[in-house]
Amino acid sequence: MIETFTSLGKFLRQFAEQRKDESPDLASLNKHHYDGFKELIASEYIHNPWFTEEFVLRAIHGISLM
């Protein structure tokens, strides 16, 4: 279970750092979820104007450090 949360943290951190991590341990997650998650971050303000891309990335960064 710890490995799962570690992978989730690494996956989220790449968005906060605005660079795709090409490491093998993220290959499957990135293949299936990276582009969709990136689009979701960019478009979230449409549903709630408070959730600008900048604020969403800050929140994701904080979560990735937990």
N, C-alpha and C. Protein backbone atom coordinates (compact mmCIF):
# COMPACT_ATOMS: atom_id res chain seq x y z
N MET A 1 0.82 -1.18 0.00
CA MET A 1 0.00 0.00 0.00
C MET A 1 0.87 1.26 0.00
N ILE A 2 1.98 1.23 0.69
CA ILE A 2 2.86 2.39 0.73
C ILE A 2 3.38 2.72 -0.66
N GLU A 3 3.69 1.68 -1.44
CA GLU A 3 4.18 1.91 -2.80
C GLU A 3 3.12 2.62 -3.65
N THR A 4 1.86 2.28 -3.41
CA THR A 4 0.77 2.90 -4.17
C THR A 4 0.69 4.39 -3.88
N PHE A 5 0.76 4.77 -2.61
CA PHE A 5 0.72 6.19 -2.26
C PHE A 5 1.98 6.92 -2.71
N THR A 6 3.10 6.22 -2.69
CA THR A 6 4.34 6.82 -3.20
C THR A 6 4.21 7.11 -4.68
N SER A 7 3.66 6.17 -5.43
CA SER A 7 3.45 6.38 -6.87
C SER A 7 2.46 7.51 -7.13
N LEU A 8 1.40 7.57 -6.32
CA LEU A 8 0.43 8.65 -6.47
C LEU A 8 1.09 10.00 -6.22
N GLY A 9 1.92 10.09 -5.19
CA GLY A 9 2.64 11.33 -4.92
C GLY A 9 3.54 11.73 -6.07
N LYS A 10 4.25 10.76 -6.63
CA LYS A 10 5.12 11.05 -7.78
C LYS A 10 4.31 11.49 -8.99
N PHE A 11 3.16 10.82 -9.20
CA PHE A 11 2.30 11.18 -10.33
C PHE A 11 1.81 12.62 -10.18
N LEU A 12 1.33 12.97 -9.00
CA LEU A 12 0.81 14.32 -8.78
C LEU A 12 1.91 15.37 -8.83
N ARG A 13 3.08 15.04 -8.31
CA ARG A 13 4.18 16.00 -8.25
C ARG A 13 4.61 16.47 -9.64
N GLN A 14 4.51 15.61 -10.63
CA GLN A 14 4.94 16.01 -11.97
C GLN A 14 4.06 17.14 -12.52
N PHE A 15 2.82 17.23 -12.08
CA PHE A 15 1.96 18.34 -12.52
C PHE A 15 2.34 19.62 -11.81
N ALA A 16 2.62 19.52 -10.52
CA ALA A 16 3.03 20.69 -9.75
C ALA A 16 4.36 21.25 -10.28
N GLU A 17 5.24 20.36 -10.70
CA GLU A 17 6.54 20.78 -11.24
C GLU A 17 6.47 21.10 -12.73
N GLN A 18 5.32 20.85 -13.32
CA GLN A 18 5.04 21.12 -14.73
C GLN A 18 6.08 20.48 -15.66
N ARG A 19 6.38 19.23 -15.35
CA ARG A 19 7.24 18.45 -16.24
C ARG A 19 6.86 16.98 -16.09
N LYS A 20 6.74 16.32 -17.20
CA LYS A 20 6.35 14.91 -17.20
C LYS A 20 7.53 14.06 -16.78
N ASP A 21 7.30 13.20 -15.82
CA ASP A 21 8.32 12.28 -15.32
C ASP A 21 8.29 11.04 -16.19
N GLU A 22 9.39 10.75 -16.85
CA GLU A 22 9.47 9.61 -17.77
C GLU A 22 9.99 8.34 -17.11
N SER A 23 10.05 8.32 -15.78
CA SER A 23 10.59 7.14 -15.11
C SER A 23 9.67 5.93 -15.32
N PRO A 24 10.27 4.73 -15.36
CA PRO A 24 9.51 3.51 -15.64
C PRO A 24 8.38 3.23 -14.65
N ASP A 25 8.56 3.64 -13.39
CA ASP A 25 7.52 3.35 -12.40
C ASP A 25 6.25 4.18 -12.61
N LEU A 26 6.32 5.23 -13.42
CA LEU A 26 5.14 6.03 -13.73
C LEU A 26 4.62 5.80 -15.14
N ALA A 27 5.27 4.95 -15.89
CA ALA A 27 4.92 4.75 -17.30
C ALA A 27 3.45 4.36 -17.49
N SER A 28 2.97 3.42 -16.71
CA SER A 28 1.58 2.97 -16.87
C SER A 28 0.59 4.05 -16.45
N LEU A 29 0.85 4.69 -15.32
CA LEU A 29 -0.04 5.78 -14.88
C LEU A 29 -0.08 6.90 -15.91
N ASN A 30 1.09 7.30 -16.38
CA ASN A 30 1.15 8.38 -17.36
C ASN A 30 0.46 8.00 -18.66
N LYS A 31 0.65 6.77 -19.09
CA LYS A 31 0.05 6.32 -20.35
C LYS A 31 -1.48 6.43 -20.30
N HIS A 32 -2.05 6.08 -19.18
CA HIS A 32 -3.51 6.04 -19.08
C HIS A 32 -4.15 7.31 -18.51
N HIS A 33 -3.39 8.11 -17.76
CA HIS A 33 -4.03 9.19 -17.02
C HIS A 33 -3.40 10.58 -17.18
N TYR A 34 -2.17 10.68 -17.65
CA TYR A 34 -1.47 11.97 -17.66
C TYR A 34 -2.22 13.04 -18.47
N ASP A 35 -2.51 12.75 -19.72
CA ASP A 35 -3.13 13.76 -20.59
C ASP A 35 -4.50 14.18 -20.08
N GLY A 36 -5.30 13.23 -19.66
CA GLY A 36 -6.63 13.54 -19.15
C GLY A 36 -6.58 14.38 -17.88
N PHE A 37 -5.65 14.06 -17.00
CA PHE A 37 -5.51 14.81 -15.75
C PHE A 37 -5.03 16.23 -16.03
N LYS A 38 -4.12 16.35 -16.97
CA LYS A 38 -3.62 17.68 -17.35
C LYS A 38 -4.75 18.53 -17.93
N GLU A 39 -5.58 17.94 -18.77
CA GLU A 39 -6.73 18.66 -19.34
C GLU A 39 -7.73 19.04 -18.25
N LEU A 40 -7.93 18.15 -17.30
CA LEU A 40 -8.84 18.43 -16.20
C LEU A 40 -8.36 19.63 -15.38
N ILE A 41 -7.08 19.67 -15.09
CA ILE A 41 -6.52 20.80 -14.35
C ILE A 41 -6.74 22.10 -15.10
N ALA A 42 -6.48 22.08 -16.39
CA ALA A 42 -6.58 23.29 -17.21
C ALA A 42 -8.02 23.77 -17.36
N SER A 43 -8.99 22.86 -17.28
CA SER A 43 -10.38 23.25 -17.53
C SER A 43 -11.24 23.35 -16.28
N GLU A 44 -10.70 23.08 -15.13
CA GLU A 44 -11.51 23.06 -13.91
C GLU A 44 -12.15 24.42 -13.62
N TYR A 45 -11.51 25.50 -14.01
CA TYR A 45 -12.06 26.84 -13.75
C TYR A 45 -13.41 27.04 -14.43
N ILE A 46 -13.71 26.28 -15.46
CA ILE A 46 -14.99 26.39 -16.15
C ILE A 46 -16.14 26.06 -15.19
N HIS A 47 -15.92 25.08 -14.32
CA HIS A 47 -16.94 24.65 -13.38
C HIS A 47 -16.93 25.48 -12.10
N ASN A 48 -15.77 26.03 -11.76
CA ASN A 48 -15.66 26.86 -10.57
C ASN A 48 -14.53 27.86 -10.80
N PRO A 49 -14.86 29.13 -11.02
CA PRO A 49 -13.85 30.14 -11.34
C PRO A 49 -12.77 30.32 -10.26
N TRP A 50 -13.03 29.86 -9.04
CA TRP A 50 -12.01 29.94 -8.00
C TRP A 50 -10.87 28.97 -8.27
N PHE A 51 -11.15 27.91 -9.00
CA PHE A 51 -10.15 26.88 -9.25
C PHE A 51 -9.35 27.19 -10.50
N THR A 52 -8.55 28.24 -10.43
CA THR A 52 -7.68 28.55 -11.56
C THR A 52 -6.60 27.47 -11.66
N GLU A 53 -5.98 27.39 -12.80
CA GLU A 53 -4.92 26.39 -12.98
C GLU A 53 -3.82 26.57 -11.94
N GLU A 54 -3.46 27.82 -11.67
CA GLU A 54 -2.41 28.10 -10.68
C GLU A 54 -2.78 27.55 -9.30
N PHE A 55 -4.01 27.80 -8.86
CA PHE A 55 -4.43 27.34 -7.53
C PHE A 55 -4.57 25.82 -7.48
N VAL A 56 -5.05 25.22 -8.54
CA VAL A 56 -5.17 23.77 -8.58
C VAL A 56 -3.78 23.14 -8.51
N LEU A 57 -2.82 23.70 -9.23
CA LEU A 57 -1.45 23.17 -9.19
C LEU A 57 -0.83 23.33 -7.81
N ARG A 58 -1.12 24.43 -7.14
CA ARG A 58 -0.63 24.61 -5.76
C ARG A 58 -1.20 23.55 -4.84
N ALA A 59 -2.50 23.30 -4.98
CA ALA A 59 -3.14 22.28 -4.14
C ALA A 59 -2.57 20.90 -4.43
N ILE A 60 -2.38 20.59 -5.69
CA ILE A 60 -1.82 19.29 -6.07
C ILE A 60 -0.40 19.15 -5.51
N HIS A 61 0.36 20.22 -5.56
CA HIS A 61 1.72 20.17 -5.01
C HIS A 61 1.67 19.84 -3.52
N GLY A 62 0.80 20.51 -2.79
CA GLY A 62 0.68 20.25 -1.36
C GLY A 62 0.28 18.81 -1.08
N ILE A 63 -0.67 18.30 -1.83
CA ILE A 63 -1.11 16.92 -1.65
C ILE A 63 0.01 15.95 -1.98
N SER A 64 0.78 16.26 -3.00
CA SER A 64 1.86 15.34 -3.41
C SER A 64 2.96 15.23 -2.36
N LEU A 65 3.05 16.19 -1.47
CA LEU A 65 4.08 16.16 -0.44
C LEU A 65 3.65 15.43 0.83
N MET A 66 2.39 15.04 0.90
CA MET A 66 1.88 14.36 2.11
C MET A 66 2.44 12.97 2.24
